[in-house]
Amino acid sequence: MCGIIGGIDINGGKLSGGDFIEAISIQHDRGNGLGGGFAAYGIYPEFEKYHALHIACTNEHAAQAADEFIRAHLYVKIAEDMPTKDVHTIQWHPLLKRYFTTPGPSNEDLKLSNLGPATIHRQSGIIDAYMKKFVFDFNRSIPGAFVMSCGKNMGVFKGVGYPEQIGEFFLIDRLQAPVWMVHSRFPTNSQSWWGGAHPFSLLEWSVVHNGEITSYGVNRNYLEMFGYKCLLQTDTEVISYLFDLLVREYGMSVADACSVISPPLWAEIEEMEDEAKKRRLLYLRQYFPQALLNGPFAVLVSNGKEMIALNDNLKLRPLVVAKRGGQYFFSSEECSFEILCPDREKTWMLDGGKPEIVKMKEGAHV
C-alpha cells in the first residue's frame, strides 16, 4: 500500500501545495490514517542561508530541553511555533517548533562572500557534517523530541493522520514550491507515531517510500559505521541516510548512487556491450553491497536540485511519471495526474531498477 507523489518544475516555477493535497486525497485508500506528510523546497527564500530546523516535542518539558540543546549548539536567528490550524480529525499533536539556525556563535559565520570557492566548499562540508551529527545527537539526547528536517530553504511537514488532514493542519495549501513530495502511509510492521511518518529527511535530502526494505538490518549496520543513527523506528529512514552518505560524503553522482541502491542484475551487467559502464557497475556492486536495498519498493528522493524516482528491479510497487512542459510529476497512481497535470503531454511507467532523474535547469532556483 502507501501512496507517494512528487512534482518538480525544472525552471523553478511554483507548484501549488493545495494541488498536492487534492492529488494525494484521491489515493485515500492507499493509506489508513496512520501517517501523512509533505516535503517542500524553496519555501524560505528570505532565510535561504540558514538551516530550517523543524522539530516536534511531545510536551513542554521536552520543548524546553530541545530549545536549550539547540541554543547550546547552534546560532539561532529566529525561533517560533510552526504555523498550524485546528483540524477536528487530529485529536492530538506534539508541540511543533521552527528554528532558523547555523553552526557558530553568530550569523557573522554566514558571511562567506570574501572567501574563495575552495574555502566555501570546504566550510560547507564541515557545516554539513556538523549538522548531521547535531541531528543524531538531538534525537538521541532529548526524550520526547525529534527533528523532522534541517535543510536549507526547505521543510518537512508530517504527522499521524491522512495526508489531506496533515496538509490542512500545516496550512500546506498556502505554500507554493518548485519541488514537492507527498506521502500517505499504511504501516504494516512498524508503529504509528509522528516521527515514523514520511518524508524522512537529513540535510537537504528527503525521501518518500512505498514498500518494505527487507535489507534494513544490513543497511542500518553499514550506516552506523559512519555515524548515522537510525532512531525513528521505520525502515525508510535508511534511504535518506544512504543518499547522504553516497552523494555528499563519498562524492558519487546521483546516477551512481542509484546504481548502488538498486543495481542492475548481475546477468544484465554481464550482457552489457559498453565495457566502461560494465566495469563501473561491477565496481559499485562489489564495493558497496551493504548499501543495496532489497525488497519491494517505489521511492522518490529529492535534494531540491533534482527529483529521483526509483523502483526495485522486479517493480513490485507502482510508480508512474507524467510530463507537462518543464514540469514532471510522479505518482503511485495515474489518477492523481488529473489534478496535477490534466493537460500532460506524456505519461509512462517507470521501469524496474532504472531510475528517472529530473534535474533543475542551470540557473533555476528553489
Protein backbone atom coordinates (compact mmCIF):
# COMPACT_ATOMS: atom_id res chain seq x y z
CA MET A 1 0.00 0.00 0.00
CA CYS A 2 1.13 3.58 0.76
CA GLY A 3 0.75 6.38 -1.77
CA ILE A 4 3.54 8.63 -2.97
CA ILE A 5 3.51 11.75 -5.15
CA GLY A 6 6.25 14.09 -6.33
CA GLY A 7 6.48 17.13 -8.54
CA ILE A 8 9.28 19.33 -9.88
CA ASP A 9 9.33 22.37 -12.14
CA ILE A 10 12.82 22.39 -13.68
CA ASN A 11 12.53 26.12 -14.44
CA GLY A 12 11.92 26.96 -10.79
CA GLY A 13 8.23 27.77 -11.27
CA LYS A 14 5.95 27.42 -8.28
CA LEU A 15 3.61 24.47 -7.82
CA SER A 16 0.62 24.82 -5.50
CA GLY A 17 0.55 22.91 -2.24
CA GLY A 18 -3.23 22.79 -2.47
CA ASP A 19 -2.99 20.78 -5.68
CA PHE A 20 -0.79 18.20 -3.97
CA ILE A 21 -3.24 17.88 -1.08
CA GLU A 22 -6.04 17.19 -3.55
CA ALA A 23 -3.88 14.83 -5.62
CA ILE A 24 -2.96 12.63 -2.64
CA SER A 25 -6.53 12.67 -1.32
CA ILE A 26 -7.58 10.78 -4.47
CA GLN A 27 -5.33 7.96 -3.24
CA HIS A 28 -7.12 7.94 0.13
CA ASP A 29 -7.47 4.15 0.20
CA ARG A 30 -3.70 3.70 -0.08
CA GLY A 31 -3.36 4.98 3.49
CA ASN A 32 -5.09 4.09 6.73
CA GLY A 33 -4.85 7.41 8.56
CA LEU A 34 -1.69 6.48 10.47
CA GLY A 35 0.68 8.81 8.68
CA GLY A 36 0.92 11.53 6.07
CA GLY A 37 3.39 14.21 5.15
CA PHE A 38 4.83 16.75 2.73
CA ALA A 39 8.29 17.99 1.82
CA ALA A 40 8.58 21.35 0.04
CA TYR A 41 11.66 23.09 -1.35
CA GLY A 42 12.14 26.81 -1.93
CA ILE A 43 9.71 27.91 0.78
CA TYR A 44 12.09 30.02 2.89
CA PRO A 45 13.91 32.27 0.39
CA GLU A 46 14.36 35.06 2.94
CA PHE A 47 16.33 32.63 5.15
CA GLU A 48 17.95 30.53 2.44
CA LYS A 49 21.40 30.64 4.08
CA TYR A 50 20.07 29.22 7.33
CA HIS A 51 19.19 25.65 8.23
CA ALA A 52 15.42 25.50 8.73
CA LEU A 53 15.10 23.21 11.73
CA HIS A 54 11.63 21.66 12.14
CA ILE A 55 11.23 19.81 15.44
CA ALA A 56 8.41 18.05 17.29
CA CYS A 57 8.18 17.70 21.08
CA THR A 58 5.67 15.60 22.99
CA ASN A 59 5.40 18.02 25.93
CA GLU A 60 6.62 21.34 27.36
CA HIS A 61 9.49 19.71 29.24
CA ALA A 62 10.81 18.18 26.00
CA ALA A 63 10.34 21.51 24.21
CA GLN A 64 12.34 23.34 26.88
CA ALA A 65 15.12 20.74 26.78
CA ALA A 66 15.14 20.91 22.97
CA ASP A 67 15.41 24.70 22.99
CA GLU A 68 18.33 24.60 25.41
CA PHE A 69 20.09 21.92 23.35
CA ILE A 70 19.62 23.86 20.11
CA ARG A 71 20.91 27.13 21.57
CA ALA A 72 23.91 25.35 23.10
CA HIS A 73 24.98 24.00 19.69
CA LEU A 74 23.68 26.47 17.08
CA TYR A 75 23.27 30.17 16.44
CA VAL A 76 19.51 30.86 16.35
CA LYS A 77 18.33 33.62 14.02
CA ILE A 78 14.60 33.02 14.65
CA ALA A 79 12.69 30.60 16.90
CA GLU A 80 8.92 30.27 16.57
CA ASP A 81 5.95 27.94 16.67
CA MET A 82 5.18 26.32 13.33
CA PRO A 83 2.00 27.74 11.75
CA THR A 84 -0.87 25.26 12.10
CA LYS A 85 -4.68 25.28 12.34
CA ASP A 86 -7.10 23.20 14.37
CA VAL A 87 -8.35 20.16 12.46
CA HIS A 88 -11.07 18.18 14.23
CA THR A 89 -9.78 14.84 12.89
CA ILE A 90 -6.38 15.38 14.54
CA GLN A 91 -7.14 14.81 18.21
CA TRP A 92 -3.58 15.28 19.48
CA HIS A 93 -0.35 16.66 18.11
CA PRO A 94 3.11 17.38 19.53
CA LEU A 95 4.44 20.87 20.09
CA LEU A 96 5.88 21.92 16.74
CA LYS A 97 8.74 24.40 16.60
CA ARG A 98 10.73 26.01 13.81
CA TYR A 99 14.24 27.45 14.15
CA PHE A 100 16.37 29.18 11.52
CA THR A 101 19.88 28.31 12.58
CA THR A 102 23.50 27.87 11.62
CA PRO A 103 26.50 26.37 13.40
CA GLY A 104 28.64 29.02 15.07
CA PRO A 105 28.25 31.71 17.72
CA SER A 106 26.67 34.32 15.40
CA ASN A 107 25.38 34.99 11.95
CA GLU A 108 28.76 36.51 11.09
CA ASP A 109 29.73 32.95 10.26
CA LEU A 110 27.43 33.16 7.22
CA LYS A 111 29.45 35.95 5.61
CA LEU A 112 31.44 33.91 3.13
CA SER A 113 31.44 36.39 0.23
CA ASN A 114 35.13 37.26 0.61
CA LEU A 115 36.25 33.64 0.63
CA GLY A 116 37.39 31.67 -2.41
CA PRO A 117 35.27 28.82 -3.88
CA ALA A 118 37.54 26.11 -2.45
CA THR A 119 37.28 27.57 1.06
CA ILE A 120 33.50 27.95 0.80
CA HIS A 121 33.18 24.34 -0.39
CA ARG A 122 35.35 23.12 2.49
CA GLN A 123 33.41 25.15 5.06
CA SER A 124 30.11 23.91 3.62
CA GLY A 125 31.33 20.33 4.02
CA ILE A 126 32.29 20.97 7.64
CA ILE A 127 28.92 22.60 8.36
CA ASP A 128 27.01 19.69 6.77
CA ALA A 129 28.98 17.17 8.85
CA TYR A 130 28.29 19.21 11.98
CA MET A 131 24.55 19.42 11.27
CA LYS A 132 24.38 15.70 10.57
CA LYS A 133 25.95 14.97 13.96
CA PHE A 134 23.70 17.56 15.61
CA VAL A 135 20.54 15.83 14.34
CA PHE A 136 21.56 12.41 15.63
CA ASP A 137 22.76 13.81 18.97
CA PHE A 138 19.46 15.71 19.34
CA ASN A 139 17.29 12.70 18.54
CA ARG A 140 19.26 10.55 20.96
CA SER A 141 19.62 13.11 23.78
CA ILE A 142 16.16 14.71 24.09
CA PRO A 143 13.47 12.23 25.19
CA GLY A 144 10.16 13.04 23.56
CA ALA A 145 11.60 15.21 20.76
CA PHE A 146 12.87 14.60 17.25
CA VAL A 147 14.00 16.53 14.18
CA MET A 148 11.62 16.42 11.20
CA SER A 149 14.00 18.28 8.86
CA CYS A 150 17.05 20.54 8.97
CA GLY A 151 17.78 21.50 5.34
CA LYS A 152 18.20 24.97 3.88
CA ASN A 153 15.21 26.64 2.19
CA MET A 154 13.06 23.53 2.65
CA GLY A 155 10.92 21.81 5.22
CA VAL A 156 9.13 18.59 6.11
CA PHE A 157 5.57 18.70 7.48
CA LYS A 158 4.32 15.34 8.71
CA GLY A 159 2.26 13.57 11.35
CA VAL A 160 -0.32 10.94 12.23
CA GLY A 161 -3.42 11.27 10.08
CA TYR A 162 -4.43 11.08 6.45
CA PRO A 163 -2.24 13.34 4.31
CA GLU A 164 -5.13 15.64 3.40
CA GLN A 165 -5.68 16.16 7.15
CA ILE A 166 -1.97 16.78 7.74
CA GLY A 167 -1.93 19.18 4.78
CA GLU A 168 -4.84 21.14 6.23
CA PHE A 169 -3.23 21.12 9.69
CA PHE A 170 0.07 22.56 8.39
CA LEU A 171 -1.62 25.05 6.02
CA ILE A 172 0.08 23.42 3.04
CA ASP A 173 -2.47 24.99 0.69
CA ARG A 174 -0.86 28.38 1.42
CA LEU A 175 2.57 27.22 0.21
CA GLN A 176 3.98 27.23 -3.30
CA ALA A 177 7.22 25.47 -4.20
CA PRO A 178 9.08 24.21 -7.29
CA VAL A 179 9.68 20.80 -5.68
CA TRP A 180 7.15 18.74 -3.70
CA MET A 181 6.98 15.24 -2.26
CA VAL A 182 3.91 13.76 -0.55
CA HIS A 183 3.22 10.51 1.31
CA SER A 184 0.16 8.60 2.50
CA ARG A 185 1.16 5.89 4.98
CA PHE A 186 -0.17 2.36 5.50
CA PRO A 187 2.18 0.90 8.15
CA THR A 188 2.31 -2.88 8.27
CA ASN A 189 5.23 -3.75 10.53
CA SER A 190 6.12 -0.61 12.49
CA GLN A 191 4.25 1.59 14.93
CA SER A 192 2.34 4.72 14.05
CA TRP A 193 3.78 7.89 15.55
CA TRP A 194 4.64 11.39 14.38
CA GLY A 195 8.32 10.57 13.90
CA GLY A 196 7.51 7.48 11.83
CA ALA A 197 5.53 9.39 9.19
CA HIS A 198 7.17 10.19 5.85
CA PRO A 199 9.03 12.10 4.41
CA PHE A 200 12.29 11.23 6.13
CA SER A 201 14.90 13.91 5.80
CA LEU A 202 18.54 14.72 6.55
CA LEU A 203 20.15 18.00 5.47
CA GLU A 204 18.63 18.70 2.03
CA TRP A 205 17.69 15.06 1.31
CA SER A 206 14.08 13.92 1.66
CA VAL A 207 12.55 10.53 0.88
CA VAL A 208 9.05 9.08 0.50
CA HIS A 209 8.67 5.34 0.06
CA ASN A 210 6.06 2.71 -0.71
CA GLY A 211 7.11 -0.84 0.12
CA GLU A 212 9.35 -2.68 2.52
CA ILE A 213 13.13 -2.65 2.94
CA THR A 214 14.00 -6.23 3.85
CA SER A 215 17.71 -5.34 3.91
CA TYR A 216 17.10 -2.79 6.70
CA GLY A 217 19.35 -4.57 9.22
CA VAL A 218 22.33 -4.71 6.87
CA ASN A 219 21.78 -1.13 5.69
CA ARG A 220 21.46 0.13 9.26
CA ASN A 221 24.64 -1.62 10.45
CA TYR A 222 26.54 -0.21 7.47
CA LEU A 223 25.33 3.35 8.07
CA GLU A 224 26.13 3.23 11.77
CA MET A 225 29.80 2.66 10.91
CA PHE A 226 29.77 6.22 9.52
CA GLY A 227 28.00 7.94 12.40
CA TYR A 228 24.38 7.62 11.25
CA LYS A 229 21.85 6.66 13.92
CA CYS A 230 18.55 5.04 12.97
CA LEU A 231 16.24 6.19 15.78
CA LEU A 232 12.87 6.78 14.09
CA GLN A 233 11.67 3.16 14.10
CA THR A 234 10.93 2.56 10.44
CA ASP A 235 12.89 1.11 7.53
CA THR A 236 12.53 4.10 5.19
CA GLU A 237 14.88 6.15 7.37
CA VAL A 238 17.93 4.36 5.92
CA ILE A 239 17.21 5.56 2.37
CA SER A 240 17.71 9.25 3.15
CA TYR A 241 20.93 8.44 5.01
CA LEU A 242 22.26 6.26 2.19
CA PHE A 243 21.84 9.08 -0.33
CA ASP A 244 23.58 11.49 2.04
CA LEU A 245 26.46 9.05 2.58
CA LEU A 246 26.93 8.11 -1.06
CA VAL A 247 26.46 11.53 -2.68
CA ARG A 248 27.62 14.05 -0.07
CA GLU A 249 30.27 12.07 1.81
CA TYR A 250 31.55 9.73 -0.93
CA GLY A 251 31.09 12.28 -3.72
CA MET A 252 29.22 9.88 -6.02
CA SER A 253 26.98 11.12 -8.79
CA VAL A 254 23.26 10.66 -8.15
CA ALA A 255 23.17 8.12 -11.01
CA ASP A 256 25.93 6.04 -9.39
CA ALA A 257 24.19 6.23 -6.01
CA CYS A 258 21.02 4.86 -7.65
CA SER A 259 23.11 2.04 -9.17
CA VAL A 260 24.38 1.16 -5.71
CA ILE A 261 20.96 1.26 -4.06
CA SER A 262 19.05 -0.53 -6.83
CA PRO A 263 21.63 -2.01 -9.24
CA PRO A 264 21.05 -3.96 -12.42
CA LEU A 265 21.01 -7.72 -12.00
CA TRP A 266 24.38 -9.48 -12.36
CA ALA A 267 23.18 -11.10 -15.60
CA GLU A 268 22.23 -7.70 -17.05
CA ILE A 269 25.67 -6.30 -16.24
CA GLU A 270 27.44 -9.28 -17.83
CA GLU A 271 25.49 -8.78 -21.08
CA MET A 272 26.42 -5.08 -21.42
CA GLU A 273 28.44 -4.15 -24.50
CA ASP A 274 29.72 -0.85 -23.08
CA GLU A 275 32.84 -2.06 -21.27
CA ALA A 276 33.42 1.14 -19.31
CA LYS A 277 29.85 1.13 -17.99
CA LYS A 278 30.11 -2.58 -17.25
CA ARG A 279 33.30 -2.12 -15.21
CA ARG A 280 31.76 0.78 -13.31
CA LEU A 281 28.64 -1.17 -12.37
CA LEU A 282 30.68 -4.21 -11.34
CA TYR A 283 32.78 -1.96 -9.10
CA LEU A 284 29.70 -0.41 -7.49
CA ARG A 285 28.05 -3.79 -6.86
CA GLN A 286 31.22 -5.33 -5.45
CA TYR A 287 32.35 -2.50 -3.18
CA PHE A 288 29.03 -1.27 -1.76
CA PRO A 289 26.91 -4.39 -1.19
CA GLN A 290 25.73 -3.21 2.24
CA ALA A 291 24.09 -0.16 0.64
CA LEU A 292 21.92 -2.21 -1.70
CA LEU A 293 18.19 -2.16 -0.92
CA ASN A 294 16.29 -5.43 -1.00
CA GLY A 295 12.55 -5.84 -1.00
CA PRO A 296 9.63 -4.35 -2.92
CA PHE A 297 9.87 -0.57 -3.14
CA ALA A 298 8.99 2.57 -5.04
CA VAL A 299 10.96 5.58 -3.85
CA LEU A 300 11.04 9.32 -4.53
CA VAL A 301 14.10 11.27 -3.38
CA SER A 302 14.97 14.95 -3.68
CA ASN A 303 17.61 17.41 -2.52
CA GLY A 304 15.86 20.41 -4.08
CA LYS A 305 18.09 20.29 -7.15
CA GLU A 306 16.66 17.11 -8.66
CA MET A 307 13.92 14.56 -8.25
CA ILE A 308 14.92 10.90 -8.31
CA ALA A 309 12.36 8.14 -8.85
CA LEU A 310 13.43 4.55 -8.26
CA ASN A 311 11.86 1.09 -8.24
CA ASP A 312 13.18 -2.30 -7.21
CA ASN A 313 14.38 -4.45 -10.12
CA LEU A 314 11.22 -6.54 -10.25
CA LYS A 315 8.97 -3.46 -9.99
CA LEU A 316 6.83 -4.82 -7.20
CA ARG A 317 5.40 -1.37 -6.39
CA PRO A 318 3.78 1.01 -8.91
CA LEU A 319 5.29 4.33 -9.96
CA VAL A 320 4.07 6.42 -12.91
CA VAL A 321 5.60 9.56 -14.47
CA ALA A 322 3.96 12.44 -16.34
CA LYS A 323 5.43 15.44 -18.16
CA ARG A 324 3.99 18.85 -18.97
CA GLY A 325 6.50 21.30 -20.40
CA GLY A 326 9.22 21.74 -17.78
CA GLN A 327 7.13 20.08 -15.08
CA TYR A 328 7.45 16.41 -14.11
CA PHE A 329 5.11 14.56 -11.78
CA PHE A 330 5.42 11.13 -10.15
CA SER A 331 2.68 9.10 -8.52
CA SER A 332 1.66 5.68 -7.29
CA GLU A 333 -1.49 6.10 -9.37
CA GLU A 334 -2.16 7.91 -12.63
CA CYS A 335 -5.44 9.29 -11.29
CA SER A 336 -3.53 11.97 -9.32
CA PHE A 337 -2.31 13.45 -12.60
CA GLU A 338 -5.87 14.53 -13.36
CA ILE A 339 -5.36 17.12 -10.62
CA LEU A 340 -1.68 17.95 -11.09
CA CYS A 341 -1.41 17.95 -14.88
CA PRO A 342 -4.65 17.10 -16.71
CA ASP A 343 -3.13 18.54 -19.91
CA ARG A 344 0.04 16.43 -19.68
CA GLU A 345 1.99 15.70 -22.86
CA LYS A 346 3.20 12.25 -21.88
CA THR A 347 2.66 9.55 -19.26
CA TRP A 348 4.84 6.49 -18.75
CA MET A 349 5.52 3.72 -16.27
CA LEU A 350 8.91 3.71 -14.56
CA ASP A 351 10.99 0.63 -15.41
CA GLY A 352 12.18 -1.60 -12.58
CA GLY A 353 15.72 -0.83 -11.41
CA LYS A 354 16.13 2.10 -13.83
CA PRO A 355 15.96 5.48 -12.13
CA GLU A 356 14.30 8.55 -13.58
CA ILE A 357 16.43 11.58 -12.60
CA VAL A 358 14.99 15.02 -13.35
CA LYS A 359 17.28 17.98 -12.67
CA MET A 360 16.55 21.67 -12.22
CA LYS A 361 17.85 23.77 -15.10
CA GLU A 362 21.10 25.64 -14.61
CA GLY A 363 20.27 28.99 -13.06
CA ALA A 364 16.84 27.92 -11.83
CA HIS A 365 16.41 28.47 -8.11
CA VAL A 366 14.41 26.66 -5.49
